[in-house]
Amino acid sequence: MTQRYLVVFEKSPLNYSSFAPDVLGCVSAGDTLDEARSNMAEALRFHFDGMLEDGDQIPEAVTTAYDFAEEDPEHGVEHCVVEWLAIELPVPPAELAARPGRRHGDERVHG
């Protein structure tokens, strides 16, 4: 299943940093906006995999806007880009085990 998360990309003099307000603790960066976008998608997938391994639920994407009123102008951000980032969510282990066609010890799913 794919879920769209709102992501804020902040341009600083050196690079872009990014975060998703709905996914606390998951941040990324890149030299360009395209690299930051790709790195953030990878960071979200990695973060979600870790959450499932720890038995945590993946947060729902509920944020539809971001309020910049509390941003500190001394923070060094030149400008921001706010976009939706589509992320393929991992399948929880219990759901994966219940799918037909799964072989013992094999994470591939047929069906």
N, C-alpha and C. Protein backbone atom coordinates (compact mmCIF):
# COMPACT_ATOMS: atom_id res chain seq x y z
N MET A 1 0.83 -1.17 0.00
CA MET A 1 0.00 0.00 0.00
C MET A 1 0.88 1.24 0.00
N THR A 2 0.49 2.22 -0.76
CA THR A 2 1.23 3.47 -0.83
C THR A 2 0.50 4.54 -0.03
N GLN A 3 1.27 5.32 0.71
CA GLN A 3 0.71 6.42 1.50
C GLN A 3 1.48 7.69 1.15
N ARG A 4 0.78 8.80 1.04
CA ARG A 4 1.43 10.09 0.74
C ARG A 4 1.64 10.87 2.04
N TYR A 5 2.89 11.22 2.30
CA TYR A 5 3.25 12.00 3.49
C TYR A 5 3.68 13.40 3.07
N LEU A 6 3.23 14.39 3.83
CA LEU A 6 3.67 15.75 3.60
C LEU A 6 5.11 15.86 4.08
N VAL A 7 5.99 16.40 3.25
CA VAL A 7 7.40 16.55 3.59
C VAL A 7 7.81 18.00 3.37
N VAL A 8 8.57 18.54 4.32
CA VAL A 8 9.09 19.90 4.22
C VAL A 8 10.58 19.80 3.91
N PHE A 9 10.98 20.44 2.82
CA PHE A 9 12.39 20.51 2.42
C PHE A 9 12.86 21.93 2.68
N GLU A 10 13.89 22.07 3.50
CA GLU A 10 14.43 23.39 3.84
C GLU A 10 15.76 23.59 3.12
N LYS A 11 15.85 24.67 2.36
CA LYS A 11 17.09 24.99 1.63
C LYS A 11 17.95 25.87 2.52
N SER A 12 19.15 25.40 2.78
CA SER A 12 20.14 26.19 3.54
C SER A 12 21.25 26.57 2.56
N PRO A 13 22.21 27.36 2.99
CA PRO A 13 23.31 27.70 2.08
C PRO A 13 24.10 26.49 1.58
N LEU A 14 24.09 25.38 2.31
CA LEU A 14 24.90 24.23 1.94
C LEU A 14 24.14 23.08 1.29
N ASN A 15 22.86 22.90 1.67
CA ASN A 15 22.13 21.73 1.17
C ASN A 15 20.64 21.89 1.44
N TYR A 16 19.90 20.80 1.25
CA TYR A 16 18.49 20.72 1.64
C TYR A 16 18.38 19.72 2.78
N SER A 17 17.60 20.07 3.78
CA SER A 17 17.25 19.11 4.82
C SER A 17 15.75 18.87 4.72
N SER A 18 15.29 17.74 5.24
CA SER A 18 13.88 17.42 5.09
C SER A 18 13.35 16.69 6.32
N PHE A 19 12.04 16.84 6.53
CA PHE A 19 11.35 16.14 7.59
C PHE A 19 9.89 15.99 7.21
N ALA A 20 9.25 14.99 7.80
CA ALA A 20 7.82 14.76 7.61
C ALA A 20 7.15 15.00 8.96
N PRO A 21 6.29 16.00 9.07
CA PRO A 21 5.67 16.31 10.36
C PRO A 21 4.95 15.13 11.02
N ASP A 22 4.45 14.19 10.24
CA ASP A 22 3.73 13.05 10.80
C ASP A 22 4.66 11.93 11.28
N VAL A 23 5.95 12.03 10.97
CA VAL A 23 6.89 10.94 11.30
C VAL A 23 8.01 11.54 12.14
N LEU A 24 7.74 11.65 13.43
CA LEU A 24 8.70 12.27 14.34
C LEU A 24 10.01 11.50 14.37
N GLY A 25 11.12 12.23 14.31
CA GLY A 25 12.44 11.62 14.40
C GLY A 25 13.02 11.17 13.09
N CYS A 26 12.29 11.30 12.01
CA CYS A 26 12.81 10.89 10.70
C CYS A 26 13.16 12.13 9.90
N VAL A 27 14.45 12.30 9.64
CA VAL A 27 14.95 13.46 8.89
C VAL A 27 15.96 12.97 7.86
N SER A 28 16.23 13.82 6.90
CA SER A 28 17.22 13.47 5.89
C SER A 28 17.77 14.76 5.28
N ALA A 29 18.73 14.61 4.37
CA ALA A 29 19.33 15.76 3.70
C ALA A 29 19.87 15.34 2.34
N GLY A 30 20.20 16.32 1.54
CA GLY A 30 20.80 16.07 0.24
C GLY A 30 21.36 17.36 -0.33
N ASP A 31 22.30 17.23 -1.25
CA ASP A 31 22.91 18.41 -1.86
C ASP A 31 21.94 19.17 -2.75
N THR A 32 21.01 18.46 -3.39
CA THR A 32 20.02 19.07 -4.27
C THR A 32 18.63 18.66 -3.78
N LEU A 33 17.61 19.32 -4.31
CA LEU A 33 16.25 18.96 -3.94
C LEU A 33 15.93 17.53 -4.37
N ASP A 34 16.36 17.15 -5.57
CA ASP A 34 16.12 15.78 -6.03
C ASP A 34 16.79 14.75 -5.13
N GLU A 35 18.02 15.02 -4.73
CA GLU A 35 18.74 14.10 -3.84
C GLU A 35 18.07 14.06 -2.47
N ALA A 36 17.64 15.21 -1.97
CA ALA A 36 16.96 15.26 -0.66
C ALA A 36 15.65 14.48 -0.73
N ARG A 37 14.94 14.61 -1.83
CA ARG A 37 13.67 13.89 -2.02
C ARG A 37 13.91 12.38 -2.01
N SER A 38 14.91 11.93 -2.76
CA SER A 38 15.24 10.51 -2.83
C SER A 38 15.71 10.00 -1.46
N ASN A 39 16.56 10.76 -0.80
CA ASN A 39 17.07 10.36 0.51
C ASN A 39 15.96 10.30 1.56
N MET A 40 15.01 11.23 1.47
CA MET A 40 13.91 11.24 2.43
C MET A 40 13.00 10.03 2.22
N ALA A 41 12.74 9.69 0.97
CA ALA A 41 11.92 8.49 0.69
C ALA A 41 12.61 7.26 1.28
N GLU A 42 13.91 7.15 1.09
CA GLU A 42 14.67 6.02 1.64
C GLU A 42 14.64 6.04 3.17
N ALA A 43 14.80 7.24 3.76
CA ALA A 43 14.78 7.36 5.22
C ALA A 43 13.42 6.95 5.79
N LEU A 44 12.34 7.36 5.13
CA LEU A 44 11.01 6.98 5.60
C LEU A 44 10.80 5.47 5.53
N ARG A 45 11.20 4.86 4.42
CA ARG A 45 11.06 3.40 4.30
C ARG A 45 11.87 2.69 5.39
N PHE A 46 13.10 3.13 5.61
CA PHE A 46 13.97 2.54 6.63
C PHE A 46 13.35 2.73 8.02
N HIS A 47 12.85 3.93 8.29
CA HIS A 47 12.23 4.26 9.57
C HIS A 47 11.01 3.36 9.83
N PHE A 48 10.18 3.19 8.79
CA PHE A 48 8.98 2.36 8.93
C PHE A 48 9.34 0.89 9.14
N ASP A 49 10.36 0.41 8.44
CA ASP A 49 10.81 -0.97 8.66
C ASP A 49 11.23 -1.17 10.12
N GLY A 50 11.98 -0.21 10.65
CA GLY A 50 12.42 -0.29 12.05
C GLY A 50 11.26 -0.23 13.02
N MET A 51 10.27 0.60 12.72
CA MET A 51 9.10 0.68 13.59
C MET A 51 8.37 -0.66 13.65
N LEU A 52 8.21 -1.30 12.49
CA LEU A 52 7.54 -2.61 12.48
C LEU A 52 8.35 -3.65 13.23
N GLU A 53 9.67 -3.63 13.07
CA GLU A 53 10.52 -4.58 13.79
C GLU A 53 10.39 -4.40 15.30
N ASP A 54 10.17 -3.14 15.74
CA ASP A 54 10.02 -2.85 17.16
C ASP A 54 8.60 -3.06 17.66
N GLY A 55 7.70 -3.45 16.76
CA GLY A 55 6.31 -3.66 17.14
C GLY A 55 5.47 -2.40 17.19
N ASP A 56 6.00 -1.31 16.66
CA ASP A 56 5.26 -0.04 16.63
C ASP A 56 4.41 0.06 15.37
N GLN A 57 3.38 0.87 15.43
CA GLN A 57 2.54 1.10 14.27
C GLN A 57 3.12 2.24 13.43
N ILE A 58 2.96 2.14 12.14
CA ILE A 58 3.39 3.20 11.23
C ILE A 58 2.40 4.36 11.38
N PRO A 59 2.91 5.58 11.56
CA PRO A 59 2.00 6.72 11.74
C PRO A 59 1.19 7.01 10.48
N GLU A 60 -0.05 7.39 10.70
CA GLU A 60 -0.89 7.77 9.57
C GLU A 60 -0.46 9.13 9.06
N ALA A 61 -0.65 9.34 7.78
CA ALA A 61 -0.36 10.63 7.17
C ALA A 61 -1.60 11.50 7.30
N VAL A 62 -1.57 12.40 8.27
CA VAL A 62 -2.74 13.24 8.52
C VAL A 62 -2.47 14.72 8.28
N THR A 63 -1.21 15.12 8.26
CA THR A 63 -0.87 16.52 8.08
C THR A 63 -1.13 16.93 6.63
N THR A 64 -1.83 18.04 6.45
CA THR A 64 -2.12 18.54 5.11
C THR A 64 -1.54 19.93 4.87
N ALA A 65 -0.99 20.54 5.92
CA ALA A 65 -0.37 21.86 5.79
C ALA A 65 0.67 22.00 6.90
N TYR A 66 1.60 22.92 6.69
CA TYR A 66 2.64 23.15 7.69
C TYR A 66 2.68 24.64 8.00
N ASP A 67 2.67 25.00 9.28
CA ASP A 67 2.67 26.39 9.72
C ASP A 67 4.10 26.84 9.97
N PHE A 68 4.54 27.80 9.19
CA PHE A 68 5.91 28.29 9.32
C PHE A 68 6.02 29.45 10.30
N ALA A 69 4.94 29.77 11.00
CA ALA A 69 4.92 30.92 11.91
C ALA A 69 5.95 30.79 13.02
N GLU A 70 6.25 29.56 13.43
CA GLU A 70 7.20 29.36 14.53
C GLU A 70 8.63 29.17 14.06
N GLU A 71 8.87 29.24 12.76
CA GLU A 71 10.23 29.08 12.24
C GLU A 71 11.09 30.27 12.65
N ASP A 72 12.29 30.01 13.07
CA ASP A 72 13.24 31.03 13.49
C ASP A 72 13.98 31.56 12.27
N PRO A 73 13.86 32.87 11.98
CA PRO A 73 14.55 33.40 10.80
C PRO A 73 16.08 33.27 10.87
N GLU A 74 16.61 33.10 12.05
CA GLU A 74 18.05 32.93 12.23
C GLU A 74 18.49 31.49 12.00
N HIS A 75 17.55 30.64 11.70
CA HIS A 75 17.80 29.21 11.49
C HIS A 75 18.65 28.95 10.24
N GLY A 76 18.74 29.92 9.34
CA GLY A 76 19.56 29.78 8.15
C GLY A 76 18.85 29.19 6.95
N VAL A 77 17.52 29.09 7.01
CA VAL A 77 16.76 28.54 5.90
C VAL A 77 16.51 29.64 4.87
N GLU A 78 16.92 29.38 3.63
CA GLU A 78 16.72 30.35 2.57
C GLU A 78 15.29 30.30 2.03
N HIS A 79 14.78 29.10 1.84
CA HIS A 79 13.39 28.90 1.43
C HIS A 79 13.00 27.45 1.70
N CYS A 80 11.70 27.19 1.61
CA CYS A 80 11.18 25.84 1.86
C CYS A 80 10.36 25.37 0.67
N VAL A 81 10.37 24.08 0.47
CA VAL A 81 9.52 23.42 -0.52
C VAL A 81 8.71 22.40 0.26
N VAL A 82 7.40 22.42 0.07
CA VAL A 82 6.52 21.47 0.75
C VAL A 82 5.87 20.62 -0.32
N GLU A 83 6.02 19.31 -0.20
CA GLU A 83 5.51 18.38 -1.21
C GLU A 83 4.92 17.15 -0.55
N TRP A 84 4.10 16.44 -1.32
CA TRP A 84 3.65 15.12 -0.93
C TRP A 84 4.67 14.11 -1.45
N LEU A 85 5.05 13.17 -0.61
CA LEU A 85 5.98 12.13 -1.00
C LEU A 85 5.28 10.78 -0.83
N ALA A 86 5.11 10.05 -1.94
CA ALA A 86 4.43 8.75 -1.91
C ALA A 86 5.43 7.69 -1.46
N ILE A 87 5.05 6.96 -0.41
CA ILE A 87 5.92 5.93 0.17
C ILE A 87 5.18 4.60 0.16
N GLU A 88 5.83 3.58 -0.37
CA GLU A 88 5.29 2.22 -0.32
C GLU A 88 5.50 1.70 1.10
N LEU A 89 4.41 1.47 1.81
CA LEU A 89 4.51 1.03 3.19
C LEU A 89 4.88 -0.45 3.27
N PRO A 90 5.72 -0.80 4.24
CA PRO A 90 6.06 -2.22 4.42
C PRO A 90 4.86 -2.98 4.96
N VAL A 91 4.84 -4.26 4.69
CA VAL A 91 3.76 -5.12 5.17
C VAL A 91 4.14 -5.62 6.57
N PRO A 92 3.24 -5.44 7.55
CA PRO A 92 3.54 -5.95 8.90
C PRO A 92 3.79 -7.47 8.86
N PRO A 93 4.73 -7.98 9.66
CA PRO A 93 5.08 -9.40 9.63
C PRO A 93 3.88 -10.33 9.79
N ALA A 94 2.93 -10.01 10.67
CA ALA A 94 1.77 -10.89 10.86
C ALA A 94 0.92 -10.95 9.60
N GLU A 95 0.80 -9.83 8.92
CA GLU A 95 0.03 -9.79 7.68
C GLU A 95 0.76 -10.57 6.58
N LEU A 96 2.06 -10.44 6.54
CA LEU A 96 2.88 -11.13 5.55
C LEU A 96 2.76 -12.65 5.73
N ALA A 97 2.82 -13.11 6.98
CA ALA A 97 2.76 -14.55 7.26
C ALA A 97 1.41 -15.15 6.87
N ALA A 98 0.37 -14.33 6.90
CA ALA A 98 -0.97 -14.85 6.62
C ALA A 98 -1.27 -14.90 5.12
N ARG A 99 -0.42 -14.35 4.29
CA ARG A 99 -0.68 -14.33 2.85
C ARG A 99 -0.40 -15.68 2.22
N PRO A 100 -1.25 -16.08 1.27
CA PRO A 100 -1.03 -17.36 0.57
C PRO A 100 0.22 -17.29 -0.32
N GLY A 101 0.88 -18.43 -0.47
CA GLY A 101 2.04 -18.50 -1.35
C GLY A 101 3.35 -18.19 -0.67
N ARG A 102 3.32 -17.85 0.61
CA ARG A 102 4.56 -17.55 1.32
C ARG A 102 5.23 -18.86 1.70
N ARG A 103 6.51 -18.96 1.35
CA ARG A 103 7.27 -20.14 1.73
C ARG A 103 7.97 -19.88 3.04
N HIS A 104 8.14 -20.92 3.84
CA HIS A 104 8.81 -20.80 5.12
C HIS A 104 10.20 -20.20 4.94
N GLY A 105 10.48 -19.12 5.68
CA GLY A 105 11.79 -18.50 5.61
C GLY A 105 12.00 -17.61 4.39
N ASP A 106 10.97 -17.37 3.65
CA ASP A 106 11.07 -16.58 2.42
C ASP A 106 10.13 -15.40 2.54
N GLU A 107 10.64 -14.19 2.33
CA GLU A 107 9.83 -12.98 2.46
C GLU A 107 9.11 -12.61 1.17
N ARG A 108 9.30 -13.36 0.11
CA ARG A 108 8.61 -13.07 -1.12
C ARG A 108 7.15 -13.47 -1.00
N VAL A 109 6.29 -12.68 -1.60
CA VAL A 109 4.87 -12.95 -1.54
C VAL A 109 4.36 -13.18 -2.96
N HIS A 110 3.57 -14.23 -3.12
CA HIS A 110 2.99 -14.56 -4.41
C HIS A 110 1.49 -14.49 -4.27
N GLY A 111 0.90 -13.39 -4.69
CA GLY A 111 -0.55 -13.32 -4.58
C GLY A 111 -1.06 -12.05 -4.04
